[in-house]
Amino acid sequence: MSHITNVLVLCTGNSARSILGEAIVNRLGQGRFRGFSAGSAPKGQVHPGALRLLARHGYPTDDLRSKSWDEFADGKGPSMDIVITVCDNAGGEVCPVWTGTPIKAHWGLPDPAAVTGDDATVDAAFEATHDALTRRIAKLVELPIHNREVPAMAVRQRLQDIHDQMSEQENADMEHRA
């Protein structure tokens, strides 16, 4: 039996980006990766924009909830292999700090929950975040996580490279559209 890689996606409120990350990991991980999400100051509910997006894309949502990272940090929850923070430093958010031995990476993305306007405007922001996370997680699930010949630091660097490369491409795409 092969090891399932547990991936915890962290953010501050655990209502939008990290929830999307959890759902995407569970879909793209195809039983090899299991996604979880949490926040350092959870909102207590999943953002309606996240729920609309997940419904549009056919993701199951019954088990998704906004929760504290304490559920995973106290040793009672599943052990995490990878922890990814998705807070956007440029937005002035405080990102959770994770201790322990998981491989850690930071994929700062703008918060779609901070977007105001009509449903179409909010939905567009959630779609952009979903697309950005999907591109990154698709690369994540291709990594040789359990190849003992690949050191954890190399995997960590590759996770950061994935984000950096995707960010450069996304920025170039935005400039091209402008």
Protein backbone atom coordinates (compact mmCIF):
# COMPACT_ATOMS: atom_id res chain seq x y z
CA MET A 1 0.00 0.00 0.00
CA SER A 2 1.42 3.37 -0.99
CA HIS A 3 1.50 6.42 1.25
CA ILE A 4 -1.10 9.11 0.70
CA THR A 5 0.50 12.56 0.80
CA ASN A 6 -1.42 14.89 3.12
CA VAL A 7 -1.41 18.52 2.00
CA LEU A 8 -2.60 21.28 4.30
CA VAL A 9 -3.48 24.58 2.63
CA LEU A 10 -3.38 27.43 5.14
CA CYS A 11 -4.64 30.96 5.08
CA THR A 12 -5.90 33.42 7.61
CA GLY A 13 -9.70 33.09 7.33
CA ASN A 14 -10.03 29.61 5.77
CA SER A 15 -13.06 30.70 3.79
CA ALA A 16 -11.81 31.07 0.22
CA ARG A 17 -8.29 30.31 -1.12
CA SER A 18 -7.43 27.53 1.30
CA ILE A 19 -10.87 25.94 0.85
CA LEU A 20 -10.39 25.97 -2.93
CA GLY A 21 -6.92 24.49 -2.46
CA GLU A 22 -8.29 21.64 -0.34
CA ALA A 23 -10.92 20.79 -2.96
CA ILE A 24 -8.46 20.98 -5.85
CA VAL A 25 -5.86 18.77 -4.11
CA ASN A 26 -8.53 16.18 -3.44
CA ARG A 27 -9.63 16.19 -7.09
CA LEU A 28 -6.23 16.30 -8.78
CA GLY A 29 -4.53 14.10 -6.18
CA GLN A 30 -6.60 11.11 -7.36
CA GLY A 31 -6.22 9.23 -4.08
CA ARG A 32 -2.44 9.80 -3.92
CA PHE A 33 -2.78 13.23 -2.28
CA ARG A 34 -5.34 14.27 0.30
CA GLY A 35 -6.16 17.92 0.79
CA PHE A 36 -7.01 19.72 4.02
CA SER A 37 -7.42 23.39 4.81
CA ALA A 38 -7.38 25.59 7.88
CA GLY A 39 -6.83 29.14 9.03
CA SER A 40 -5.10 31.00 11.82
CA ALA A 41 -8.26 33.10 12.38
CA PRO A 42 -11.04 31.14 10.66
CA LYS A 43 -14.15 33.01 9.53
CA GLY A 44 -16.35 30.11 10.64
CA GLN A 45 -18.04 29.70 7.26
CA VAL A 46 -17.03 29.09 3.67
CA HIS A 47 -17.38 32.20 1.50
CA PRO A 48 -20.47 32.05 -0.77
CA GLY A 49 -18.27 32.84 -3.78
CA ALA A 50 -16.16 29.77 -3.06
CA LEU A 51 -19.26 27.61 -2.76
CA ARG A 52 -20.66 28.95 -6.06
CA LEU A 53 -17.38 28.24 -7.83
CA LEU A 54 -17.07 24.74 -6.42
CA ALA A 55 -20.67 23.96 -7.43
CA ARG A 56 -20.06 25.26 -10.98
CA HIS A 57 -17.03 22.99 -11.31
CA GLY A 58 -18.69 19.93 -9.77
CA TYR A 59 -16.63 19.69 -6.59
CA PRO A 60 -18.16 18.02 -3.54
CA THR A 61 -18.71 20.60 -0.79
CA ASP A 62 -20.45 18.66 1.99
CA ASP A 63 -17.30 18.19 4.09
CA LEU A 64 -15.83 21.65 3.56
CA ARG A 65 -15.85 23.99 6.55
CA SER A 66 -13.87 26.90 7.89
CA LYS A 67 -11.70 25.64 10.75
CA SER A 68 -8.70 26.53 12.86
CA TRP A 69 -5.26 25.23 12.10
CA ASP A 70 -5.20 24.10 15.75
CA GLU A 71 -7.09 21.00 14.58
CA PHE A 72 -3.94 19.93 12.78
CA ALA A 73 -1.24 21.46 14.98
CA ASP A 74 -2.18 19.65 18.18
CA GLY A 75 -1.01 16.24 16.97
CA LYS A 76 -4.53 14.79 17.10
CA GLY A 77 -5.26 15.34 13.41
CA PRO A 78 -3.61 13.66 10.46
CA SER A 79 0.12 14.20 10.02
CA MET A 80 0.90 16.64 7.23
CA ASP A 81 3.52 15.99 4.57
CA ILE A 82 3.19 19.38 2.88
CA VAL A 83 1.92 22.71 4.24
CA ILE A 84 1.25 25.53 1.78
CA THR A 85 0.29 29.04 2.83
CA VAL A 86 -1.70 30.98 0.25
CA CYS A 87 -1.98 34.39 1.96
CA ASP A 88 -1.01 37.35 -0.19
CA ASN A 89 1.83 39.21 1.53
CA ALA A 90 1.14 42.20 -0.70
CA GLY A 91 -2.30 42.44 0.89
CA GLY A 92 -0.81 42.95 4.34
CA GLU A 93 -2.24 39.72 5.72
CA VAL A 94 -0.66 37.82 8.56
CA CYS A 95 0.15 34.33 7.32
CA PRO A 96 0.12 31.44 9.75
CA VAL A 97 3.48 30.00 10.72
CA TRP A 98 3.62 26.21 10.73
CA THR A 99 6.06 24.33 12.88
CA GLY A 100 7.16 20.73 12.60
CA THR A 101 8.63 18.63 9.81
CA PRO A 102 6.32 18.97 6.81
CA ILE A 103 7.67 20.43 3.60
CA LYS A 104 6.55 24.07 3.59
CA ALA A 105 5.93 26.51 0.77
CA HIS A 106 4.29 29.89 0.34
CA TRP A 107 2.05 30.51 -2.67
CA GLY A 108 0.81 34.05 -2.07
CA LEU A 109 -2.37 34.74 -4.04
CA PRO A 110 -4.79 37.67 -3.92
CA ASP A 111 -7.81 37.09 -1.70
CA PRO A 112 -10.97 36.73 -3.82
CA ALA A 113 -13.04 37.13 -0.63
CA ALA A 114 -11.81 40.73 -0.45
CA VAL A 115 -13.31 41.56 -3.85
CA THR A 116 -16.49 43.62 -3.70
CA GLY A 117 -19.17 44.16 -6.30
CA ASP A 118 -21.88 42.11 -7.91
CA ASP A 119 -21.83 38.31 -8.06
CA ALA A 120 -20.22 38.37 -11.53
CA THR A 121 -17.29 40.46 -10.27
CA VAL A 122 -16.79 38.28 -7.19
CA ASP A 123 -17.19 35.09 -9.24
CA ALA A 124 -14.50 36.30 -11.69
CA ALA A 125 -12.08 36.78 -8.78
CA PHE A 126 -12.82 33.28 -7.49
CA GLU A 127 -12.34 31.82 -10.99
CA ALA A 128 -8.93 33.50 -11.25
CA THR A 129 -7.89 32.08 -7.87
CA HIS A 130 -9.23 28.63 -8.79
CA ASP A 131 -7.29 28.69 -12.07
CA ALA A 132 -4.07 29.82 -10.34
CA LEU A 133 -4.35 27.12 -7.69
CA THR A 134 -5.27 24.45 -10.24
CA ARG A 135 -2.13 25.20 -12.29
CA ARG A 136 0.08 24.99 -9.20
CA ILE A 137 -1.53 21.90 -7.70
CA ALA A 138 -1.40 20.08 -11.06
CA LYS A 139 2.39 20.54 -10.90
CA LEU A 140 2.49 19.59 -7.21
CA VAL A 141 0.87 16.19 -7.77
CA GLU A 142 3.52 15.40 -10.41
CA LEU A 143 6.40 15.83 -7.94
CA PRO A 144 8.35 12.77 -6.72
CA ILE A 145 7.34 13.44 -3.11
CA HIS A 146 8.13 9.95 -1.82
CA ASN A 147 11.26 9.26 -3.80
CA ARG A 148 13.79 8.91 -1.00
CA GLU A 149 16.52 9.98 -3.40
CA VAL A 150 14.92 13.45 -3.65
CA PRO A 151 15.70 15.48 -0.50
CA ALA A 152 12.88 17.40 1.19
CA MET A 153 14.69 20.70 0.57
CA ALA A 154 14.69 19.95 -3.17
CA VAL A 155 10.95 19.29 -3.07
CA ARG A 156 10.43 22.50 -1.10
CA GLN A 157 12.43 24.46 -3.66
CA ARG A 158 10.45 22.87 -6.48
CA LEU A 159 7.17 23.88 -4.78
CA GLN A 160 8.41 27.46 -4.57
CA ASP A 161 9.62 27.34 -8.18
CA ILE A 162 6.16 26.21 -9.28
CA HIS A 163 4.60 29.27 -7.67
CA ASP A 164 7.25 31.66 -8.94
CA GLN A 165 7.01 30.38 -12.52
CA MET A 166 3.21 30.43 -12.51
CA SER A 167 3.18 33.95 -11.04
CA GLU A 168 5.52 35.20 -13.77
CA GLN A 169 3.31 33.66 -16.46
CA GLU A 170 0.10 35.02 -14.88
CA ASN A 171 1.62 38.51 -14.64
CA ALA A 172 2.75 38.35 -18.26
CA ASP A 173 -0.74 37.22 -19.32
CA MET A 174 -2.31 40.14 -17.42
CA GLU A 175 0.08 42.62 -19.07
CA HIS A 176 -0.70 41.14 -22.48
CA ARG A 177 -4.46 41.59 -21.91
CA ALA A 178 -4.06 45.21 -20.74
